[in-house]
N, C-alpha and C. Protein backbone atom coordinates (compact mmCIF):
# COMPACT_ATOMS: atom_id res chain seq x y z
N UNK A 1 53.31 -17.73 -14.69
CA UNK A 1 52.91 -18.66 -13.65
C UNK A 1 54.10 -19.43 -12.98
N UNK A 2 54.68 -19.94 -13.99
CA UNK A 2 55.87 -20.92 -13.67
C UNK A 2 56.87 -20.17 -12.47
N UNK A 3 57.12 -18.93 -13.04
CA UNK A 3 57.99 -17.76 -12.10
C UNK A 3 57.79 -17.84 -10.91
N UNK A 4 56.41 -17.71 -10.80
CA UNK A 4 55.88 -17.54 -9.22
C UNK A 4 55.85 -18.76 -8.79
N UNK A 5 55.64 -19.98 -9.39
CA UNK A 5 55.92 -21.17 -8.53
C UNK A 5 57.27 -21.31 -8.37
N UNK A 6 58.29 -21.17 -9.13
CA UNK A 6 59.58 -21.19 -8.92
C UNK A 6 60.01 -20.37 -7.54
N UNK A 7 59.60 -19.08 -7.60
CA UNK A 7 59.81 -18.31 -6.23
C UNK A 7 59.31 -18.65 -5.34
N UNK A 8 58.19 -19.24 -5.15
CA UNK A 8 57.28 -19.71 -3.99
C UNK A 8 58.06 -21.15 -3.47
N UNK A 9 58.52 -21.87 -4.11
CA UNK A 9 59.39 -23.11 -3.90
C UNK A 9 60.77 -23.02 -3.79
N UNK A 10 61.35 -21.80 -3.90
CA UNK A 10 62.68 -21.58 -3.71
C UNK A 10 62.89 -20.27 -2.53
N UNK A 11 62.16 -19.18 -3.05
CA UNK A 11 62.45 -18.11 -2.13
C UNK A 11 61.93 -18.39 -0.76
N UNK A 12 60.61 -18.82 -0.36
CA UNK A 12 60.03 -18.97 0.78
C UNK A 12 60.80 -19.92 1.69
N UNK A 13 61.30 -21.06 0.97
CA UNK A 13 62.09 -22.08 2.13
C UNK A 13 63.39 -21.53 2.43
N UNK A 14 63.95 -20.61 1.45
CA UNK A 14 65.41 -20.03 1.69
C UNK A 14 65.00 -19.21 2.85
N UNK A 15 64.21 -18.31 2.92
CA UNK A 15 63.83 -17.41 4.01
C UNK A 15 63.65 -18.00 5.13
N UNK A 16 62.63 -19.28 5.17
CA UNK A 16 62.51 -20.05 6.41
C UNK A 16 63.75 -20.72 6.86
N UNK A 17 64.67 -21.04 6.13
CA UNK A 17 66.01 -21.75 6.66
C UNK A 17 66.73 -20.53 7.20
N UNK A 18 66.75 -19.45 6.59
CA UNK A 18 67.61 -18.29 7.31
C UNK A 18 66.67 -17.90 8.57
N UNK A 19 65.68 -17.72 8.88
CA UNK A 19 64.97 -17.34 9.89
C UNK A 19 65.34 -18.44 10.93
N UNK A 20 65.09 -19.51 10.58
CA UNK A 20 65.53 -20.88 11.60
C UNK A 20 66.86 -20.82 12.13
N UNK A 21 67.80 -20.52 11.09
CA UNK A 21 69.27 -20.65 11.64
C UNK A 21 69.45 -19.46 12.59
N UNK A 22 68.67 -18.22 12.13
CA UNK A 22 68.90 -16.93 13.13
C UNK A 22 68.35 -17.20 14.60
N UNK A 23 67.20 -17.81 14.40
CA UNK A 23 66.49 -17.99 15.66
C UNK A 23 67.23 -19.12 16.48
N UNK A 24 67.61 -19.98 15.81
CA UNK A 24 68.43 -21.22 16.40
C UNK A 24 69.91 -20.57 17.05
N UNK A 25 70.47 -19.45 16.45
CA UNK A 25 71.65 -18.97 16.84
C UNK A 25 71.26 -18.30 18.24
N UNK A 26 70.01 -17.60 18.22
CA UNK A 26 69.70 -16.84 19.36
C UNK A 26 69.08 -17.52 20.63
N UNK A 27 68.33 -18.67 20.28
CA UNK A 27 67.54 -19.49 21.26
C UNK A 27 68.67 -20.71 21.60
N UNK A 28 69.14 -21.33 20.37
CA UNK A 28 69.67 -22.70 20.64
C UNK A 28 68.86 -23.58 19.75
N UNK A 29 69.74 -24.81 19.39
CA UNK A 29 69.09 -25.67 18.36
C UNK A 29 67.65 -26.16 19.13
N UNK A 30 68.11 -26.61 20.24
CA UNK A 30 67.07 -27.39 21.07
C UNK A 30 65.81 -26.67 21.29
N UNK A 31 65.99 -25.34 21.75
CA UNK A 31 64.65 -24.58 21.75
C UNK A 31 64.07 -24.35 20.53
N UNK A 32 64.79 -24.12 19.37
CA UNK A 32 64.06 -23.90 18.13
C UNK A 32 63.44 -25.15 17.81
N UNK A 33 63.99 -26.08 17.98
CA UNK A 33 63.21 -27.37 17.44
C UNK A 33 62.01 -27.65 18.30
N UNK A 34 61.94 -27.37 19.74
CA UNK A 34 60.90 -27.42 20.41
C UNK A 34 59.72 -26.20 19.89
N UNK A 35 60.29 -25.03 19.75
CA UNK A 35 59.32 -24.13 19.07
C UNK A 35 58.60 -24.45 17.81
N UNK A 36 59.23 -24.95 16.89
CA UNK A 36 58.68 -25.72 15.68
C UNK A 36 57.46 -26.75 15.95
N UNK A 37 58.10 -27.56 16.91
CA UNK A 37 57.04 -28.68 17.52
C UNK A 37 55.69 -28.14 18.10
N UNK A 38 55.85 -27.20 18.91
CA UNK A 38 54.83 -26.37 19.74
C UNK A 38 54.10 -25.55 18.58
N UNK A 39 54.34 -24.93 17.71
CA UNK A 39 53.70 -24.07 16.79
C UNK A 39 52.90 -25.24 15.93
N UNK A 40 53.45 -26.33 15.64
CA UNK A 40 52.91 -27.32 15.02
C UNK A 40 51.60 -28.09 15.57
N UNK A 41 51.87 -28.43 16.85
CA UNK A 41 50.86 -29.08 17.72
C UNK A 41 49.67 -27.90 18.13
N UNK A 42 50.10 -26.79 18.29
CA UNK A 42 48.90 -25.71 18.62
C UNK A 42 48.30 -25.25 17.46
N UNK A 43 48.94 -25.16 16.49
CA UNK A 43 48.51 -25.01 15.03
C UNK A 43 47.46 -26.11 14.47
N UNK A 44 47.66 -27.28 14.79
CA UNK A 44 46.68 -28.31 14.42
C UNK A 44 45.60 -28.41 15.50
N UNK A 45 45.77 -28.01 16.66
CA UNK A 45 44.77 -28.09 17.66
C UNK A 45 43.77 -26.63 17.17
N UNK A 46 44.31 -25.56 17.17
CA UNK A 46 43.64 -24.60 16.56
C UNK A 46 42.81 -24.53 15.38
N UNK A 47 43.54 -25.38 14.16
CA UNK A 47 42.89 -25.72 13.00
C UNK A 47 41.72 -26.48 13.16
N UNK A 48 41.74 -27.18 13.96
CA UNK A 48 40.70 -28.23 14.40
C UNK A 48 39.53 -27.71 14.95
N UNK A 49 39.77 -26.88 16.11
CA UNK A 49 38.80 -26.17 16.54
C UNK A 49 37.97 -24.90 15.60
N UNK A 50 38.84 -24.28 14.99
CA UNK A 50 38.08 -23.54 13.94
C UNK A 50 37.69 -24.13 12.90
N UNK A 51 37.95 -25.12 12.52
CA UNK A 51 37.32 -25.98 11.31
C UNK A 51 36.06 -26.54 11.92
N UNK A 52 35.91 -26.93 13.22
CA UNK A 52 34.40 -27.48 13.65
C UNK A 52 33.68 -26.43 13.77
N UNK A 53 34.20 -25.25 14.13
CA UNK A 53 33.08 -23.93 14.21
C UNK A 53 32.77 -23.92 12.90
N UNK A 54 33.40 -23.83 11.93
CA UNK A 54 33.13 -23.32 10.38
C UNK A 54 32.15 -24.47 10.00
N UNK A 55 32.28 -25.66 10.27
CA UNK A 55 31.20 -26.85 9.94
C UNK A 55 30.16 -26.51 10.49
N UNK A 56 30.05 -26.08 11.86
CA UNK A 56 28.84 -25.87 12.68
C UNK A 56 27.99 -24.59 11.74
N UNK A 57 29.03 -23.56 11.59
CA UNK A 57 28.32 -22.58 10.64
C UNK A 57 27.70 -23.08 9.35
N UNK A 58 28.40 -23.89 8.66
CA UNK A 58 27.90 -24.36 7.51
C UNK A 58 26.45 -25.24 7.68
N UNK A 59 26.58 -25.99 8.55
CA UNK A 59 25.20 -26.84 8.77
C UNK A 59 24.14 -25.92 9.03
N UNK A 60 24.40 -24.79 9.96
CA UNK A 60 23.43 -23.83 10.31
C UNK A 60 22.96 -23.10 9.08
N UNK A 61 23.67 -22.68 8.26
CA UNK A 61 23.06 -22.15 7.14
C UNK A 61 22.42 -23.06 6.04
N UNK A 62 23.09 -24.47 5.87
CA UNK A 62 22.23 -25.32 5.16
C UNK A 62 20.90 -25.49 5.79
N UNK A 63 20.76 -25.64 6.88
CA UNK A 63 19.63 -25.93 7.84
C UNK A 63 18.49 -24.96 7.60
N UNK A 64 19.09 -23.55 7.33
CA UNK A 64 18.02 -22.42 7.11
C UNK A 64 17.84 -22.34 5.63
N UNK A 65 18.18 -23.00 4.80
CA UNK A 65 17.99 -23.09 3.41
C UNK A 65 18.79 -22.02 2.76
N UNK A 66 19.78 -21.65 3.33
CA UNK A 66 20.73 -20.63 2.67
C UNK A 66 21.86 -21.36 1.96
N UNK A 67 22.65 -20.75 0.96
CA UNK A 67 23.69 -21.38 0.63
C UNK A 67 25.02 -20.91 1.50
N UNK A 68 25.93 -21.82 2.06
CA UNK A 68 26.86 -21.33 2.86
C UNK A 68 28.27 -20.73 1.97
N UNK A 69 28.21 -19.69 1.05
CA UNK A 69 29.31 -19.54 0.39
C UNK A 69 30.54 -18.86 1.48
N UNK A 70 30.11 -17.81 2.07
CA UNK A 70 31.11 -17.30 2.94
C UNK A 70 31.80 -18.36 3.90
N UNK A 71 30.88 -19.29 4.42
CA UNK A 71 31.50 -20.39 5.44
C UNK A 71 32.35 -21.19 4.76
N UNK A 72 31.96 -21.82 3.49
CA UNK A 72 32.78 -22.44 2.78
C UNK A 72 34.16 -21.87 2.22
N UNK A 73 33.91 -20.41 1.97
CA UNK A 73 35.40 -20.03 1.75
C UNK A 73 36.14 -19.91 2.98
N UNK A 74 35.94 -19.60 4.27
CA UNK A 74 36.49 -19.54 5.62
C UNK A 74 36.82 -20.90 5.85
N UNK A 75 36.09 -21.96 5.52
CA UNK A 75 36.60 -23.34 5.66
C UNK A 75 38.01 -23.60 4.89
N UNK A 76 37.96 -23.14 3.55
CA UNK A 76 39.06 -23.37 2.92
C UNK A 76 40.36 -22.66 3.57
N UNK A 77 40.00 -21.34 3.79
CA UNK A 77 41.17 -20.60 4.51
C UNK A 77 41.60 -21.38 5.72
N UNK A 78 40.73 -21.86 6.51
CA UNK A 78 41.22 -22.60 7.69
C UNK A 78 42.03 -23.92 7.56
N UNK A 79 41.62 -24.41 6.40
CA UNK A 79 42.26 -25.64 5.89
C UNK A 79 43.85 -25.33 5.36
N UNK A 80 43.87 -24.17 4.53
CA UNK A 80 45.15 -23.75 4.36
C UNK A 80 46.07 -23.33 5.53
N UNK A 81 45.34 -22.53 6.39
CA UNK A 81 46.01 -22.13 7.46
C UNK A 81 46.61 -23.07 8.26
N UNK A 82 45.62 -24.34 8.45
CA UNK A 82 46.16 -25.29 9.08
C UNK A 82 47.32 -26.14 8.39
N UNK A 83 47.41 -26.20 7.09
CA UNK A 83 48.48 -26.87 6.54
C UNK A 83 49.77 -26.07 6.62
N UNK A 84 49.43 -24.54 6.72
CA UNK A 84 50.76 -23.58 6.85
C UNK A 84 51.20 -23.95 8.40
N UNK A 85 50.37 -24.00 9.04
CA UNK A 85 50.85 -24.01 10.65
C UNK A 85 51.29 -25.49 10.93
N UNK A 86 51.20 -26.37 10.36
CA UNK A 86 51.81 -27.61 10.60
C UNK A 86 53.34 -27.91 9.85
N UNK A 87 53.35 -26.76 8.84
CA UNK A 87 54.73 -27.02 7.94
C UNK A 87 55.66 -26.28 8.74
N UNK A 88 56.87 -26.82 8.87
CA UNK A 88 57.93 -26.06 9.72
C UNK A 88 58.25 -24.88 9.09
N UNK A 89 58.50 -24.06 10.05
CA UNK A 89 58.99 -22.70 9.67
C UNK A 89 58.30 -21.43 10.38
N UNK A 90 59.03 -20.38 10.45
CA UNK A 90 58.23 -19.32 11.10
C UNK A 90 57.47 -18.42 10.25
N UNK A 91 57.89 -18.18 8.88
CA UNK A 91 56.74 -17.46 7.95
C UNK A 91 55.60 -18.19 7.93
N UNK A 92 55.66 -19.53 7.67
CA UNK A 92 54.41 -20.25 7.22
C UNK A 92 53.44 -20.30 8.45
N UNK A 93 54.11 -20.33 9.63
CA UNK A 93 53.32 -20.46 10.81
C UNK A 93 52.52 -19.16 11.10
N UNK A 94 53.29 -17.91 10.91
CA UNK A 94 52.65 -16.57 10.89
C UNK A 94 51.45 -16.45 10.09
N UNK A 95 51.67 -17.02 8.78
CA UNK A 95 50.76 -16.86 7.85
C UNK A 95 49.34 -18.02 8.01
N UNK A 96 49.80 -19.08 8.58
CA UNK A 96 48.62 -20.02 8.72
C UNK A 96 47.96 -19.40 10.03
N UNK A 97 48.76 -18.72 10.84
CA UNK A 97 47.88 -18.18 12.14
C UNK A 97 46.86 -17.25 11.65
N UNK A 98 47.28 -16.19 10.76
CA UNK A 98 46.45 -15.21 10.02
C UNK A 98 45.52 -16.02 9.25
N UNK A 99 45.58 -17.06 8.68
CA UNK A 99 44.49 -17.48 8.04
C UNK A 99 43.39 -18.11 8.95
N UNK A 100 43.79 -18.82 10.14
CA UNK A 100 42.88 -19.42 10.96
C UNK A 100 42.05 -18.61 11.99
N UNK A 101 42.86 -17.47 12.34
CA UNK A 101 42.01 -16.47 13.36
C UNK A 101 40.92 -15.76 12.66
N UNK A 102 39.75 -16.15 13.32
CA UNK A 102 38.50 -15.43 12.88
C UNK A 102 38.49 -14.09 12.29
N UNK A 103 38.96 -13.19 13.01
CA UNK A 103 38.88 -11.68 12.29
C UNK A 103 39.84 -11.76 11.17
N UNK A 104 40.77 -12.20 11.01
CA UNK A 104 41.41 -12.11 9.47
C UNK A 104 40.93 -12.83 8.46
N UNK A 105 40.33 -14.14 8.96
CA UNK A 105 39.62 -14.91 8.17
C UNK A 105 38.48 -14.42 7.44
N UNK A 106 37.74 -13.67 8.48
CA UNK A 106 36.38 -13.08 7.88
C UNK A 106 36.62 -11.79 6.90
N UNK A 107 37.79 -11.27 7.19
CA UNK A 107 37.94 -10.20 6.27
C UNK A 107 38.74 -10.66 4.78
N UNK A 108 39.28 -11.95 4.81
CA UNK A 108 39.88 -12.54 3.80
C UNK A 108 39.04 -13.26 2.86
N UNK A 109 37.85 -13.88 3.49
CA UNK A 109 36.86 -14.65 2.84
C UNK A 109 36.24 -13.94 1.59
N UNK A 110 35.69 -12.73 1.78
CA UNK A 110 35.16 -12.10 0.52
C UNK A 110 36.08 -11.91 -0.41
N UNK A 111 37.53 -11.35 -0.17
CA UNK A 111 38.57 -11.23 -1.45
C UNK A 111 38.68 -12.67 -1.94
N UNK A 112 38.65 -13.73 -1.18
CA UNK A 112 38.86 -15.00 -1.80
C UNK A 112 37.88 -15.55 -2.94
N UNK A 113 36.60 -14.97 -2.56
CA UNK A 113 35.40 -15.41 -3.30
C UNK A 113 35.60 -14.22 -4.76
N UNK A 114 35.83 -13.31 -4.39
CA UNK A 114 35.89 -12.22 -5.51
C UNK A 114 37.18 -12.85 -6.54
N UNK A 115 38.15 -13.17 -6.01
CA UNK A 115 39.24 -13.88 -6.71
C UNK A 115 38.83 -14.98 -7.57
N UNK A 116 37.82 -16.09 -6.59
CA UNK A 116 37.51 -17.23 -7.53
C UNK A 116 36.58 -16.85 -8.41
N UNK A 117 35.60 -15.88 -8.22
CA UNK A 117 34.63 -15.48 -9.50
C UNK A 117 35.16 -14.80 -10.53
N UNK A 118 36.42 -14.12 -10.56
CA UNK A 118 37.20 -13.49 -11.59
C UNK A 118 37.96 -14.63 -12.19
N UNK A 119 38.53 -15.78 -11.46
CA UNK A 119 39.32 -16.64 -12.26
C UNK A 119 38.89 -18.11 -12.56
N UNK A 120 37.59 -18.21 -12.50
CA UNK A 120 36.87 -19.46 -12.74
C UNK A 120 35.67 -19.19 -13.50
N UNK A 121 35.35 -20.15 -14.20
CA UNK A 121 34.05 -19.97 -15.17
C UNK A 121 32.99 -21.22 -14.93
N UNK A 122 32.62 -20.99 -13.53
CA UNK A 122 31.73 -21.84 -13.15
C UNK A 122 30.30 -21.27 -12.85
N UNK A 123 29.21 -21.67 -13.46
CA UNK A 123 28.04 -20.95 -13.22
C UNK A 123 27.18 -22.26 -12.66
N UNK A 124 26.47 -22.06 -11.59
CA UNK A 124 25.52 -23.11 -11.15
C UNK A 124 24.30 -22.09 -10.55
N UNK A 125 23.28 -23.01 -10.68
CA UNK A 125 22.05 -22.35 -10.05
C UNK A 125 21.42 -23.39 -9.25
N UNK A 126 20.78 -23.12 -8.22
CA UNK A 126 20.12 -24.15 -7.24
C UNK A 126 18.58 -23.64 -7.19
N UNK A 127 17.69 -24.65 -7.56
CA UNK A 127 16.44 -24.27 -6.96
C UNK A 127 16.20 -24.09 -5.51
N UNK A 128 15.38 -22.87 -5.52
CA UNK A 128 14.97 -22.41 -4.16
C UNK A 128 13.66 -22.76 -3.88
N UNK A 129 13.25 -23.12 -2.32
CA UNK A 129 11.93 -23.90 -2.13
C UNK A 129 11.00 -22.58 -2.34
N UNK A 130 9.84 -22.95 -2.86
CA UNK A 130 8.76 -21.86 -3.21
C UNK A 130 8.08 -21.48 -1.76
N UNK A 131 7.23 -20.36 -1.82
CA UNK A 131 6.71 -20.01 -0.63
C UNK A 131 5.94 -21.20 0.05
N UNK A 132 6.12 -21.11 1.20
CA UNK A 132 5.27 -22.36 2.21
C UNK A 132 6.17 -23.48 2.15
N UNK A 133 7.07 -23.77 1.19
CA UNK A 133 7.83 -25.04 1.40
C UNK A 133 8.94 -24.92 2.27
N UNK A 134 9.31 -25.99 2.89
CA UNK A 134 10.31 -26.13 4.01
C UNK A 134 11.60 -26.04 3.18
N UNK A 135 12.71 -25.58 3.92
CA UNK A 135 14.08 -25.67 3.16
C UNK A 135 14.60 -27.03 2.64
N UNK A 136 15.06 -27.22 1.88
CA UNK A 136 15.29 -28.67 1.38
C UNK A 136 14.34 -29.44 0.70
N UNK A 137 13.32 -28.97 0.29
CA UNK A 137 12.17 -29.48 -0.27
C UNK A 137 12.63 -29.15 -1.62
N UNK A 138 12.15 -30.29 -2.55
CA UNK A 138 12.37 -29.77 -4.04
C UNK A 138 11.20 -28.88 -4.59
N UNK A 139 11.60 -28.12 -5.22
CA UNK A 139 11.00 -27.11 -5.75
C UNK A 139 11.17 -26.67 -7.45
N UNK A 140 10.49 -26.81 -8.17
CA UNK A 140 8.79 -26.97 -7.88
C UNK A 140 8.82 -28.44 -7.52
N UNK A 141 7.56 -28.79 -6.97
CA UNK A 141 7.11 -30.04 -6.58
C UNK A 141 7.13 -30.71 -7.68
N UNK A 142 7.46 -32.09 -7.58
CA UNK A 142 7.55 -32.81 -8.75
C UNK A 142 5.96 -33.38 -9.17
N UNK A 143 5.95 -33.02 -10.48
CA UNK A 143 4.44 -33.64 -10.92
C UNK A 143 4.05 -35.05 -10.94
N UNK A 144 2.80 -35.41 -10.67
CA UNK A 144 2.53 -36.80 -10.94
C UNK A 144 2.05 -36.98 -12.50
N UNK A 145 2.73 -38.28 -12.93
CA UNK A 145 2.29 -38.49 -14.50
C UNK A 145 0.86 -38.55 -14.59
N UNK A 146 0.39 -37.84 -15.81
CA UNK A 146 -0.99 -37.50 -15.87
C UNK A 146 -1.58 -39.19 -16.22
N UNK A 147 -2.60 -39.36 -16.06
CA UNK A 147 -3.53 -40.54 -16.08
C UNK A 147 -3.51 -41.03 -17.77
N UNK A 148 -3.43 -42.32 -17.86
CA UNK A 148 -3.51 -42.83 -19.44
C UNK A 148 -4.64 -42.39 -20.02
N UNK A 149 -4.64 -41.82 -21.09
CA UNK A 149 -5.73 -41.76 -22.13
C UNK A 149 -5.89 -42.43 -23.22
N UNK A 150 -6.93 -42.50 -23.82
CA UNK A 150 -7.33 -43.54 -25.14
C UNK A 150 -6.40 -43.08 -26.27
N UNK A 151 -5.87 -42.02 -26.10
CA UNK A 151 -4.99 -41.41 -27.34
C UNK A 151 -3.38 -42.12 -27.17
N UNK A 152 -3.19 -42.63 -26.17
CA UNK A 152 -1.67 -43.17 -25.79
C UNK A 152 -1.25 -44.34 -26.61
N UNK A 153 -2.15 -44.75 -27.56
CA UNK A 153 -1.65 -45.99 -28.48
C UNK A 153 -0.36 -45.94 -29.05
N UNK A 154 -0.07 -44.56 -29.29
CA UNK A 154 1.17 -44.36 -30.26
C UNK A 154 2.02 -44.29 -29.58
N UNK A 155 3.53 -44.78 -29.64
CA UNK A 155 4.56 -44.88 -29.07
C UNK A 155 5.44 -43.61 -28.78
N UNK A 156 5.16 -42.61 -29.80
CA UNK A 156 5.76 -41.43 -29.66
C UNK A 156 4.67 -40.13 -29.86
């Protein structure tokens, strides 16, 4: 794990610097800086738009009484993609764009879900509404306390 982190924090920035230098030699320093600023601004706007679309999908799933697992995974991908897009660099911009675009995001979300299930040990269960109960209602319905009887004189 440490070796992977070391490579991620040394190899990727080194490649980014190399690519930026190459692009800078081809386009010039001013256009290269402009390219970085434009991709950051466009990336932030795209991440915001896609993030709002994912939030709307999550709300729709919750309102219909379903767990929005795929939408939450897609939201995580949009978040990571947005961070990558505002990070200066061409490789990170490409990776961020791929994570934000809906077609690739929809393909990656199930893989992310499988990865998380394999590498986490979180088990949850949520009660589901019974027949005839609206979504979001508590199920089973809470029972009222029984009326007191004469035998209730003992504390336990």
